[in-house]
Amino acid sequence: MARADAGMNAIVLAGGPADDVAALHPGAANKAFVPVAGIALVERVVSALRAVPRVEQIVVVAPSQTHGCAALAQADETRTDGSRIIDSLRSGMAGFPADEPLLIVASDLPVLTTPALDEVFDALALRELDVAYTCLARRYHDERFPQIPHTWARMREGQFCGGGVSAIRPSALGRLSEFLDALGAARKAPLRLAAVFGWDVVLRFALGRLSIADAQARATAIMRGPVGAICCTHPEIAVNVDRPRDVPLAEALLETQRAGIPATAARPDSSSEAEANP
């Protein structure tokens, strides 16, 4: 996508309505503006991006009533969100060169670090991709953050979860929108899902036999352009705040980071399925 030392502009997605997490902090527009250990989630994410020299302009897409608030002070620009994620992406990407990839970052990553983001930049520099998405092997997560729950997908290489950072060329946004629309329509209809991905992919995934390479190849065919996974080793890329109970877990991780204590006091249940090395 770019030279290893090349910079990239970043879009932080902080839109959407208030949810159960936002209800913890009356007046918060949505969960991105909920304080975690005294600092709003979106502010933590923007600060993490600002600490990476290869991040250039930072655009935050957020509800209009939040523009100008202290949590967004480090952003270069704020733009209004849309009713859907794809609309927020359009808002954030507007005006950027069509063929230059943009880093897309979720606003609910409380422990995002410079090494985690550098790993993504290094991986992007090695590949020419229209869409890149991060994933994390379970073994890396369990080594550091076993107390943090995740939903895991079983691939041929092992168990993986998605990360909160991706990269997209603006020129691919129309094709991505088509794919997301088809995926949304097929979400609760197995036959439609098979029509989108193909029966072979659906069956291999259900049996845990789908490889990352095969998934990338099918996504590339669907998107009519190169799509690739970035297999990360830093679990901070996938620690997010989806539920109210995630807030105290994130605060505990931040406390251990400040104190320099390994965040491995609790281990996963020994009955959980072990992951094969990818």
C-alpha atoms as a PDB file:
ATOM      1  CA  MET A   1       0.000   0.000   0.000  1.00  0.00           C
ATOM      2  CA  ALA A   2       2.798   2.442   0.834  1.00  0.00           C
ATOM      3  CA  ARG A   3       6.478   2.703   1.758  1.00  0.00           C
ATOM      4  CA  ALA A   4       7.294   1.541   5.280  1.00  0.00           C
ATOM      5  CA  ASP A   5       8.094   5.099   6.312  1.00  0.00           C
ATOM      6  CA  ALA A   6       5.179   6.694   4.445  1.00  0.00           C
ATOM      7  CA  GLY A   7       2.479   8.505   6.342  1.00  0.00           C
ATOM      8  CA  MET A   8      -1.235   7.868   6.193  1.00  0.00           C
ATOM      9  CA  ASN A   9      -4.311   9.882   7.073  1.00  0.00           C
ATOM     10  CA  ALA A  10      -6.652   8.403   9.671  1.00  0.00           C
ATOM     11  CA  ILE A  11     -10.435   8.403  10.033  1.00  0.00           C
ATOM     12  CA  VAL A  12     -11.797   7.748  13.535  1.00  0.00           C
ATOM     13  CA  LEU A  13     -15.393   6.528  13.521  1.00  0.00           C
ATOM     14  CA  ALA A  14     -17.125   7.994  16.582  1.00  0.00           C
ATOM     15  CA  GLY A  15     -20.670   8.166  15.232  1.00  0.00           C
ATOM     16  CA  GLY A  16     -23.888   6.389  15.981  1.00  0.00           C
ATOM     17  CA  PRO A  17     -26.611   6.712  18.599  1.00  0.00           C
ATOM     18  CA  ALA A  18     -26.322   6.341  22.346  1.00  0.00           C
ATOM     19  CA  ASP A  19     -26.267   2.742  23.568  1.00  0.00           C
ATOM     20  CA  ASP A  20     -26.016   0.872  26.877  1.00  0.00           C
ATOM     21  CA  VAL A  21     -22.431   2.018  27.345  1.00  0.00           C
ATOM     22  CA  ALA A  22     -23.395   5.662  26.782  1.00  0.00           C
ATOM     23  CA  ALA A  23     -26.109   5.253  29.414  1.00  0.00           C
ATOM     24  CA  LEU A  24     -23.324   4.922  32.002  1.00  0.00           C
ATOM     25  CA  HIS A  25     -22.499   8.600  31.475  1.00  0.00           C
ATOM     26  CA  PRO A  26     -25.607  10.812  31.164  1.00  0.00           C
ATOM     27  CA  GLY A  27     -25.189  13.322  28.387  1.00  0.00           C
ATOM     28  CA  ALA A  28     -22.736  11.238  26.345  1.00  0.00           C
ATOM     29  CA  ALA A  29     -23.692  11.341  22.659  1.00  0.00           C
ATOM     30  CA  ASN A  30     -22.612   7.703  22.282  1.00  0.00           C
ATOM     31  CA  LYS A  31     -20.096   5.323  23.803  1.00  0.00           C
ATOM     32  CA  ALA A  32     -17.141   7.088  22.154  1.00  0.00           C
ATOM     33  CA  PHE A  33     -17.659   9.963  24.588  1.00  0.00           C
ATOM     34  CA  VAL A  34     -17.882   7.844  27.739  1.00  0.00           C
ATOM     35  CA  PRO A  35     -14.916   8.401  30.073  1.00  0.00           C
ATOM     36  CA  VAL A  36     -12.780   5.368  30.817  1.00  0.00           C
ATOM     37  CA  ALA A  37     -10.426   6.063  33.720  1.00  0.00           C
ATOM     38  CA  GLY A  38     -11.324   9.737  33.355  1.00  0.00           C
ATOM     39  CA  ILE A  39     -10.666  10.125  29.618  1.00  0.00           C
ATOM     40  CA  ALA A  40     -13.241   9.684  26.853  1.00  0.00           C
ATOM     41  CA  LEU A  41     -12.726   6.631  24.664  1.00  0.00           C
ATOM     42  CA  VAL A  42     -12.441   8.675  21.471  1.00  0.00           C
ATOM     43  CA  GLU A  43      -9.866  10.961  23.094  1.00  0.00           C
ATOM     44  CA  ARG A  44      -7.780   7.929  24.023  1.00  0.00           C
ATOM     45  CA  VAL A  45      -7.885   6.701  20.426  1.00  0.00           C
ATOM     46  CA  VAL A  46      -6.967  10.078  18.934  1.00  0.00           C
ATOM     47  CA  SER A  47      -4.103  10.415  21.439  1.00  0.00           C
ATOM     48  CA  ALA A  48      -2.804   6.980  20.446  1.00  0.00           C
ATOM     49  CA  LEU A  49      -2.881   7.970  16.768  1.00  0.00           C
ATOM     50  CA  ARG A  50      -1.235  11.309  17.467  1.00  0.00           C
ATOM     51  CA  ALA A  51       1.691   9.483  19.107  1.00  0.00           C
ATOM     52  CA  VAL A  52       2.512   7.640  15.838  1.00  0.00           C
ATOM     53  CA  PRO A  53       4.728   9.735  13.509  1.00  0.00           C
ATOM     54  CA  ARG A  54       3.363   7.992  10.397  1.00  0.00           C
ATOM     55  CA  VAL A  55      -0.173   9.186  11.160  1.00  0.00           C
ATOM     56  CA  GLU A  56      -0.722  12.471   9.362  1.00  0.00           C
ATOM     57  CA  GLN A  57      -4.156  14.123   9.378  1.00  0.00           C
ATOM     58  CA  ILE A  58      -6.719  12.777  11.866  1.00  0.00           C
ATOM     59  CA  VAL A  59     -10.399  13.209  11.002  1.00  0.00           C
ATOM     60  CA  VAL A  60     -13.042  12.254  13.567  1.00  0.00           C
ATOM     61  CA  VAL A  61     -16.541  11.454  12.319  1.00  0.00           C
ATOM     62  CA  ALA A  62     -18.981  12.124  15.161  1.00  0.00           C
ATOM     63  CA  PRO A  63     -22.439  13.533  15.940  1.00  0.00           C
ATOM     64  CA  SER A  64     -22.624  17.254  15.205  1.00  0.00           C
ATOM     65  CA  GLN A  65     -23.380  18.157  18.826  1.00  0.00           C
ATOM     66  CA  THR A  66     -19.970  16.834  19.877  1.00  0.00           C
ATOM     67  CA  HIS A  67     -17.955  19.011  17.511  1.00  0.00           C
ATOM     68  CA  GLY A  68     -15.807  21.398  19.479  1.00  0.00           C
ATOM     69  CA  CYS A  69     -15.823  19.316  22.647  1.00  0.00           C
ATOM     70  CA  ALA A  70     -12.587  18.776  24.564  1.00  0.00           C
ATOM     71  CA  ALA A  71     -12.455  15.068  23.706  1.00  0.00           C
ATOM     72  CA  LEU A  72     -11.875  15.966  20.036  1.00  0.00           C
ATOM     73  CA  ALA A  73      -9.329  18.738  20.608  1.00  0.00           C
ATOM     74  CA  GLN A  74      -6.408  16.727  19.197  1.00  0.00           C
ATOM     75  CA  ALA A  75      -8.188  15.933  15.928  1.00  0.00           C
ATOM     76  CA  ASP A  76      -7.325  17.939  12.827  1.00  0.00           C
ATOM     77  CA  GLU A  77     -10.934  17.979  11.678  1.00  0.00           C
ATOM     78  CA  THR A  78     -14.361  16.795  12.797  1.00  0.00           C
ATOM     79  CA  ARG A  79     -17.087  15.741  10.391  1.00  0.00           C
ATOM     80  CA  THR A  80     -20.711  14.767  10.911  1.00  0.00           C
ATOM     81  CA  ASP A  81     -21.599  11.079  11.093  1.00  0.00           C
ATOM     82  CA  GLY A  82     -24.248   9.324   9.025  1.00  0.00           C
ATOM     83  CA  SER A  83     -27.114   7.016   9.844  1.00  0.00           C
ATOM     84  CA  ARG A  84     -25.025   3.975   8.794  1.00  0.00           C
ATOM     85  CA  ILE A  85     -21.343   3.146   9.105  1.00  0.00           C
ATOM     86  CA  ILE A  86     -20.927   3.344   5.339  1.00  0.00           C
ATOM     87  CA  ASP A  87     -22.375   6.879   5.412  1.00  0.00           C
ATOM     88  CA  SER A  88     -19.925   7.848   8.148  1.00  0.00           C
ATOM     89  CA  LEU A  89     -17.100   6.415   6.055  1.00  0.00           C
ATOM     90  CA  ARG A  90     -18.218   8.535   3.084  1.00  0.00           C
ATOM     91  CA  SER A  91     -18.246  11.607   5.289  1.00  0.00           C
ATOM     92  CA  GLY A  92     -14.770  10.901   6.637  1.00  0.00           C
ATOM     93  CA  MET A  93     -13.242  10.020   3.273  1.00  0.00           C
ATOM     94  CA  ALA A  94     -14.658  12.955   1.327  1.00  0.00           C
ATOM     95  CA  GLY A  95     -11.943  15.024  -0.321  1.00  0.00           C
ATOM     96  CA  PHE A  96      -9.093  12.545   0.145  1.00  0.00           C
ATOM     97  CA  PRO A  97      -7.296  11.141  -2.939  1.00  0.00           C
ATOM     98  CA  ALA A  98      -9.204   8.166  -4.317  1.00  0.00           C
ATOM     99  CA  ASP A  99      -6.243   5.787  -4.543  1.00  0.00           C
ATOM    100  CA  GLU A 100      -4.429   6.635  -1.306  1.00  0.00           C
ATOM    101  CA  PRO A 101      -5.424   4.287   1.528  1.00  0.00           C
ATOM    102  CA  LEU A 102      -6.895   5.733   4.691  1.00  0.00           C
ATOM    103  CA  LEU A 103      -6.500   4.203   8.120  1.00  0.00           C
ATOM    104  CA  ILE A 104      -9.965   3.523   9.579  1.00  0.00           C
ATOM    105  CA  VAL A 105     -10.010   3.287  13.378  1.00  0.00           C
ATOM    106  CA  ALA A 106     -12.819   2.456  15.792  1.00  0.00           C
ATOM    107  CA  SER A 107     -13.336   4.925  18.631  1.00  0.00           C
ATOM    108  CA  ASP A 108     -13.695   2.322  21.385  1.00  0.00           C
ATOM    109  CA  LEU A 109     -10.134   0.966  21.661  1.00  0.00           C
ATOM    110  CA  PRO A 110      -9.094   2.020  25.187  1.00  0.00           C
ATOM    111  CA  VAL A 111      -5.598   0.508  25.288  1.00  0.00           C
ATOM    112  CA  LEU A 112      -4.453   1.095  21.692  1.00  0.00           C
ATOM    113  CA  THR A 113      -0.655   1.477  21.584  1.00  0.00           C
ATOM    114  CA  THR A 114       2.040   2.759  19.244  1.00  0.00           C
ATOM    115  CA  PRO A 115       3.575  -0.729  18.719  1.00  0.00           C
ATOM    116  CA  ALA A 116       0.155  -2.077  17.716  1.00  0.00           C
ATOM    117  CA  LEU A 117      -0.344   0.706  15.167  1.00  0.00           C
ATOM    118  CA  ASP A 118       3.249   0.426  13.900  1.00  0.00           C
ATOM    119  CA  GLU A 119       2.661  -3.264  13.219  1.00  0.00           C
ATOM    120  CA  VAL A 120      -0.335  -2.347  11.051  1.00  0.00           C
ATOM    121  CA  PHE A 121       1.658   0.292   9.157  1.00  0.00           C
ATOM    122  CA  ASP A 122       4.524  -2.146   8.542  1.00  0.00           C
ATOM    123  CA  ALA A 123       2.134  -4.786   7.198  1.00  0.00           C
ATOM    124  CA  LEU A 124       0.345  -2.304   4.931  1.00  0.00           C
ATOM    125  CA  ALA A 125       3.670  -1.206   3.444  1.00  0.00           C
ATOM    126  CA  LEU A 126       4.266  -4.706   2.118  1.00  0.00           C
ATOM    127  CA  ARG A 127       1.006  -5.160   0.218  1.00  0.00           C
ATOM    128  CA  GLU A 128      -1.104  -3.348  -2.369  1.00  0.00           C
ATOM    129  CA  LEU A 129      -4.640  -3.694  -0.985  1.00  0.00           C
ATOM    130  CA  ASP A 130      -7.907  -1.894  -1.618  1.00  0.00           C
ATOM    131  CA  VAL A 131      -9.267  -3.094   1.722  1.00  0.00           C
ATOM    132  CA  ALA A 132      -7.209  -4.373   4.653  1.00  0.00           C
ATOM    133  CA  TYR A 133      -8.632  -5.600   7.930  1.00  0.00           C
ATOM    134  CA  THR A 134      -6.885  -6.584  11.142  1.00  0.00           C
ATOM    135  CA  CYS A 135      -7.367  -9.832  13.009  1.00  0.00           C
ATOM    136  CA  LEU A 136      -5.810 -11.329  16.112  1.00  0.00           C
ATOM    137  CA  ALA A 137      -4.937 -14.952  16.869  1.00  0.00           C
ATOM    138  CA  ARG A 138      -6.297 -16.117  20.200  1.00  0.00           C
ATOM    139  CA  ARG A 139      -2.934 -17.188  21.551  1.00  0.00           C
ATOM    140  CA  TYR A 140      -1.661 -13.595  21.496  1.00  0.00           C
ATOM    141  CA  HIS A 141      -4.757 -12.412  23.319  1.00  0.00           C
ATOM    142  CA  ASP A 142      -4.622 -15.139  25.974  1.00  0.00           C
ATOM    143  CA  GLU A 143      -0.953 -14.439  26.673  1.00  0.00           C
ATOM    144  CA  ARG A 144      -1.732 -10.853  27.650  1.00  0.00           C
ATOM    145  CA  PHE A 145      -5.438 -10.308  28.315  1.00  0.00           C
ATOM    146  CA  PRO A 146      -7.098 -13.621  29.221  1.00  0.00           C
ATOM    147  CA  GLN A 147      -9.673 -11.837  31.376  1.00  0.00           C
ATOM    148  CA  ILE A 148     -11.093  -9.900  28.399  1.00  0.00           C
ATOM    149  CA  PRO A 149     -13.885 -11.786  26.575  1.00  0.00           C
ATOM    150  CA  HIS A 150     -14.011 -12.030  22.796  1.00  0.00           C
ATOM    151  CA  THR A 151     -16.056 -13.814  20.166  1.00  0.00           C
ATOM    152  CA  TRP A 152     -13.726 -16.118  18.252  1.00  0.00           C
ATOM    153  CA  ALA A 153     -13.984 -17.385  14.680  1.00  0.00           C
ATOM    154  CA  ARG A 154     -12.527 -20.826  14.045  1.00  0.00           C
ATOM    155  CA  MET A 155     -10.299 -20.843  10.960  1.00  0.00           C
ATOM    156  CA  ARG A 156      -8.016 -23.584   9.680  1.00  0.00           C
ATOM    157  CA  GLU A 157      -5.037 -21.778  11.251  1.00  0.00           C
ATOM    158  CA  GLY A 158      -6.727 -21.400  14.659  1.00  0.00           C
ATOM    159  CA  GLN A 159      -9.130 -19.053  16.440  1.00  0.00           C
ATOM    160  CA  PHE A 160      -9.257 -15.366  15.503  1.00  0.00           C
ATOM    161  CA  CYS A 161     -11.166 -12.215  16.355  1.00  0.00           C
ATOM    162  CA  GLY A 162     -11.386  -8.983  14.404  1.00  0.00           C
ATOM    163  CA  GLY A 163      -9.371  -5.884  15.237  1.00  0.00           C
ATOM    164  CA  GLY A 164     -10.552  -2.298  15.437  1.00  0.00           C
ATOM    165  CA  VAL A 165      -8.256  -0.919  12.714  1.00  0.00           C
ATOM    166  CA  SER A 166      -8.543  -1.295   8.956  1.00  0.00           C
ATOM    167  CA  ALA A 167      -7.426   0.506   5.809  1.00  0.00           C
ATOM    168  CA  ILE A 168      -9.532   1.381   2.775  1.00  0.00           C
ATOM    169  CA  ARG A 169      -8.878   3.193  -0.480  1.00  0.00           C
ATOM    170  CA  PRO A 170     -11.695   5.706  -1.117  1.00  0.00           C
ATOM    171  CA  SER A 171     -11.958   4.309  -4.657  1.00  0.00           C
ATOM    172  CA  ALA A 172     -13.127   0.982  -3.148  1.00  0.00           C
ATOM    173  CA  LEU A 173     -15.884   2.478  -0.999  1.00  0.00           C
ATOM    174  CA  GLY A 174     -18.651   1.977  -3.583  1.00  0.00           C
ATOM    175  CA  ARG A 175     -17.777  -1.702  -3.977  1.00  0.00           C
ATOM    176  CA  LEU A 176     -17.555  -2.079  -0.195  1.00  0.00           C
ATOM    177  CA  SER A 177     -21.006  -0.538   0.169  1.00  0.00           C
ATOM    178  CA  GLU A 178     -22.443  -3.043  -2.318  1.00  0.00           C
ATOM    179  CA  PHE A 179     -20.867  -5.909  -0.389  1.00  0.00           C
ATOM    180  CA  LEU A 180     -22.112  -4.679   2.994  1.00  0.00           C
ATOM    181  CA  ASP A 181     -25.629  -4.237   1.604  1.00  0.00           C
ATOM    182  CA  ALA A 182     -25.598  -7.810   0.289  1.00  0.00           C
ATOM    183  CA  LEU A 183     -24.199  -9.073   3.580  1.00  0.00           C
ATOM    184  CA  GLY A 184     -26.839  -7.215   5.567  1.00  0.00           C
ATOM    185  CA  ALA A 185     -29.629  -8.658   3.445  1.00  0.00           C
ATOM    186  CA  ALA A 186     -28.231 -12.166   3.888  1.00  0.00           C
ATOM    187  CA  ARG A 187     -27.464 -11.893   7.602  1.00  0.00           C
ATOM    188  CA  LYS A 188     -30.325 -14.129   8.758  1.00  0.00           C
ATOM    189  CA  ALA A 189     -30.790 -16.131   5.569  1.00  0.00           C
ATOM    190  CA  PRO A 190     -28.294 -18.995   5.053  1.00  0.00           C
ATOM    191  CA  LEU A 191     -29.205 -19.412   1.395  1.00  0.00           C
ATOM    192  CA  ARG A 192     -28.555 -15.758   0.674  1.00  0.00           C
ATOM    193  CA  LEU A 193     -25.317 -15.912   2.672  1.00  0.00           C
ATOM    194  CA  ALA A 194     -24.191 -18.828   0.551  1.00  0.00           C
ATOM    195  CA  ALA A 195     -25.083 -16.836  -2.567  1.00  0.00           C
ATOM    196  CA  VAL A 196     -22.775 -14.033  -1.398  1.00  0.00           C
ATOM    197  CA  PHE A 197     -19.793 -16.150  -0.347  1.00  0.00           C
ATOM    198  CA  GLY A 198     -20.391 -19.482  -2.098  1.00  0.00           C
ATOM    199  CA  TRP A 199     -21.417 -22.770  -0.492  1.00  0.00           C
ATOM    200  CA  ASP A 200     -17.837 -24.020  -0.381  1.00  0.00           C
ATOM    201  CA  VAL A 201     -16.717 -21.063   1.739  1.00  0.00           C
ATOM    202  CA  VAL A 202     -19.739 -21.224   4.064  1.00  0.00           C
ATOM    203  CA  LEU A 203     -19.341 -24.964   4.667  1.00  0.00           C
ATOM    204  CA  ARG A 204     -15.583 -24.805   5.203  1.00  0.00           C
ATOM    205  CA  PHE A 205     -16.036 -21.944   7.658  1.00  0.00           C
ATOM    206  CA  ALA A 206     -18.762 -23.826   9.545  1.00  0.00           C
ATOM    207  CA  LEU A 207     -16.409 -26.799   9.850  1.00  0.00           C
ATOM    208  CA  GLY A 208     -13.414 -24.675  10.868  1.00  0.00           C
ATOM    209  CA  ARG A 209     -11.563 -25.600   7.675  1.00  0.00           C
ATOM    210  CA  LEU A 210     -11.540 -22.243   5.902  1.00  0.00           C
ATOM    211  CA  SER A 211      -8.046 -20.803   5.636  1.00  0.00           C
ATOM    212  CA  ILE A 212      -7.226 -17.113   5.856  1.00  0.00           C
ATOM    213  CA  ALA A 213      -5.755 -17.253   2.354  1.00  0.00           C
ATOM    214  CA  ASP A 214      -8.968 -18.719   0.937  1.00  0.00           C
ATOM    215  CA  ALA A 215     -11.080 -16.134   2.771  1.00  0.00           C
ATOM    216  CA  GLN A 216      -8.917 -13.360   1.326  1.00  0.00           C
ATOM    217  CA  ALA A 217      -9.232 -14.821  -2.173  1.00  0.00           C
ATOM    218  CA  ARG A 218     -13.026 -14.988  -1.965  1.00  0.00           C
ATOM    219  CA  ALA A 219     -13.260 -11.456  -0.528  1.00  0.00           C
ATOM    220  CA  THR A 220     -11.002 -10.218  -3.335  1.00  0.00           C
ATOM    221  CA  ALA A 221     -13.292 -11.807  -5.922  1.00  0.00           C
ATOM    222  CA  ILE A 222     -16.421 -10.338  -4.323  1.00  0.00           C
ATOM    223  CA  MET A 223     -14.862  -6.875  -4.001  1.00  0.00           C
ATOM    224  CA  ARG A 224     -13.296  -6.998  -7.476  1.00  0.00           C
ATOM    225  CA  GLY A 225     -10.071  -5.739  -5.976  1.00  0.00           C
ATOM    226  CA  PRO A 226      -7.368  -6.891  -3.555  1.00  0.00           C
ATOM    227  CA  VAL A 227      -8.554  -7.540   0.008  1.00  0.00           C
ATOM    228  CA  GLY A 228      -6.255  -8.818   2.734  1.00  0.00           C
ATOM    229  CA  ALA A 229      -6.021  -9.682   6.402  1.00  0.00           C
ATOM    230  CA  ILE A 230      -3.364  -8.237   8.687  1.00  0.00           C
ATOM    231  CA  CYS A 231      -2.669 -10.872  11.324  1.00  0.00           C
ATOM    232  CA  CYS A 232      -1.607  -8.842  14.352  1.00  0.00           C
ATOM    233  CA  THR A 233       0.399  -9.910  17.389  1.00  0.00           C
ATOM    234  CA  HIS A 234      -0.501  -6.956  19.662  1.00  0.00           C
ATOM    235  CA  PRO A 235      -3.811  -7.736  21.423  1.00  0.00           C
ATOM    236  CA  GLU A 236      -4.491  -4.052  22.116  1.00  0.00           C
ATOM    237  CA  ILE A 237      -5.731  -3.814  18.522  1.00  0.00           C
ATOM    238  CA  ALA A 238      -8.796  -5.890  19.456  1.00  0.00           C
ATOM    239  CA  VAL A 239      -9.675  -4.749  22.994  1.00  0.00           C
ATOM    240  CA  ASN A 240     -12.840  -2.693  22.633  1.00  0.00           C
ATOM    241  CA  VAL A 241     -15.777  -1.501  24.722  1.00  0.00           C
ATOM    242  CA  ASP A 242     -19.026  -3.002  23.464  1.00  0.00           C
ATOM    243  CA  ARG A 243     -20.943  -3.499  26.732  1.00  0.00           C
ATOM    244  CA  PRO A 244     -21.188  -1.718  30.073  1.00  0.00           C
ATOM    245  CA  ARG A 245     -19.221  -4.509  31.745  1.00  0.00           C
ATOM    246  CA  ASP A 246     -16.299  -3.786  29.398  1.00  0.00           C
ATOM    247  CA  VAL A 247     -15.698  -0.384  31.018  1.00  0.00           C
ATOM    248  CA  PRO A 248     -14.333  -1.662  34.371  1.00  0.00           C
ATOM    249  CA  LEU A 249     -12.314  -4.302  32.496  1.00  0.00           C
ATOM    250  CA  ALA A 250     -10.728  -1.582  30.366  1.00  0.00           C
ATOM    251  CA  GLU A 251     -10.046   0.552  33.432  1.00  0.00           C
ATOM    252  CA  ALA A 252      -8.312  -2.387  35.107  1.00  0.00           C
ATOM    253  CA  LEU A 253      -6.103  -2.854  32.030  1.00  0.00           C
ATOM    254  CA  LEU A 254      -5.211   0.829  31.995  1.00  0.00           C
ATOM    255  CA  GLU A 255      -4.286   0.643  35.678  1.00  0.00           C
ATOM    256  CA  THR A 256      -1.979  -2.321  35.075  1.00  0.00           C
ATOM    257  CA  GLN A 257      -0.392  -0.466  32.154  1.00  0.00           C
ATOM    258  CA  ARG A 258       0.300   2.549  34.365  1.00  0.00           C
ATOM    259  CA  ALA A 259       1.700   0.361  37.133  1.00  0.00           C
ATOM    260  CA  GLY A 260       3.738  -1.778  34.757  1.00  0.00           C
ATOM    261  CA  ILE A 261       2.040  -4.956  36.005  1.00  0.00           C
ATOM    262  CA  PRO A 262       1.502  -7.842  33.527  1.00  0.00           C
ATOM    263  CA  ALA A 263      -2.229  -8.095  32.785  1.00  0.00           C
ATOM    264  CA  THR A 264      -2.307 -11.868  33.183  1.00  0.00           C
ATOM    265  CA  ALA A 265      -3.594 -12.332  36.710  1.00  0.00           C
ATOM    266  CA  ALA A 266      -6.514 -14.414  35.471  1.00  0.00           C
ATOM    267  CA  ARG A 267      -6.170 -17.282  33.052  1.00  0.00           C
ATOM    268  CA  PRO A 268      -8.854 -18.578  30.676  1.00  0.00           C
ATOM    269  CA  ASP A 269     -10.836 -21.643  31.684  1.00  0.00           C
ATOM    270  CA  SER A 270      -8.781 -24.738  31.008  1.00  0.00           C
ATOM    271  CA  SER A 271     -11.757 -26.268  29.251  1.00  0.00           C
ATOM    272  CA  SER A 272     -11.669 -23.640  26.507  1.00  0.00           C
ATOM    273  CA  GLU A 273     -10.561 -24.860  23.108  1.00  0.00           C
ATOM    274  CA  ALA A 274      -6.845 -24.395  22.465  1.00  0.00           C
ATOM    275  CA  GLU A 275      -5.873 -22.537  19.344  1.00  0.00           C
ATOM    276  CA  ALA A 276      -3.564 -23.931  16.737  1.00  0.00           C
ATOM    277  CA  ASN A 277      -0.673 -21.789  15.600  1.00  0.00           C
ATOM    278  CA  PRO A 278      -1.618 -19.856  12.458  1.00  0.00           C
END
